[in-house]
Amino acid sequence: MATDWKKDLKQFYFPSGKTVVDVLVPKMNFLMVDGEGNPNTSKTYQGAIMALYSMAYTLKFDLKKRDPSMDFRVGPLEGLWWNTDQGALVLGNKDDWRWTAMIMVPDFITLEMATAAKKAAAQKKDLPELPKLHMESYDEGRAAQIMYVGPYVDEGPTIERIHWFIQEMGGTLKGKHHEIYLSDPRRTLLEKLKTVIRQPFQQS
């Protein structure tokens, strides 16, 4: 059976769209590319996305050929976003943002497998951001999240809602703002885009 994030990790990728929920996110492995600047205008960000998907699918198909039991469903694009002032994320000014674009991979993926897939991906296509790609474990821990539906530019009130939820629980923001993009913006109407918005926090 192929590893399937839609089934195996459903509570972390398909939260309620009505209420903010408190979750304990387990440690997961990710393919990652780090960068900075506005994702809407940054060629680096677009290049990072191309590198991530090329790498993920190369890894998937190479492993499936070697051993069908190692097949897995490629996860959605995710992003960690931060600034010196996390509150600035609500304002929508993205020019000074720093980010990590990433795709989750199953726990059985080793650094050796990832290195081999990276070399194979480099031979198939010109991917300027591929050298920056790395695989790391990310232990997010306790977080508040909700499913947001709509244009990315209108996320501000939903982000504020999550921050208020954390404050009402007596918590403080910790770590990086996290988004999981479940829709393809090239094929989905803006008002129907689905994004998981997550913010890790700690109890005061």
Foldseek 3Di string as FASTA:
>chain_A
DAAECCPPVVCVFPPAQPDKDKDFDAKFKKWKFKDAFDCVPDPLNVLRVVLQVLLQVLLQVVVCVVPVRHHYDWFFKKKWKDAPDRLCVLVQPRGGIIMMIITTDHPVDDQVSSVVSLVVSVVPDPRPRSVRIDMDIDRQTIKIKHKDFAAPSPCNVVVVSRCVVQVVQQKDFDGTWMKTWPDDPVPDDRRGTIMMTMTGIDHD
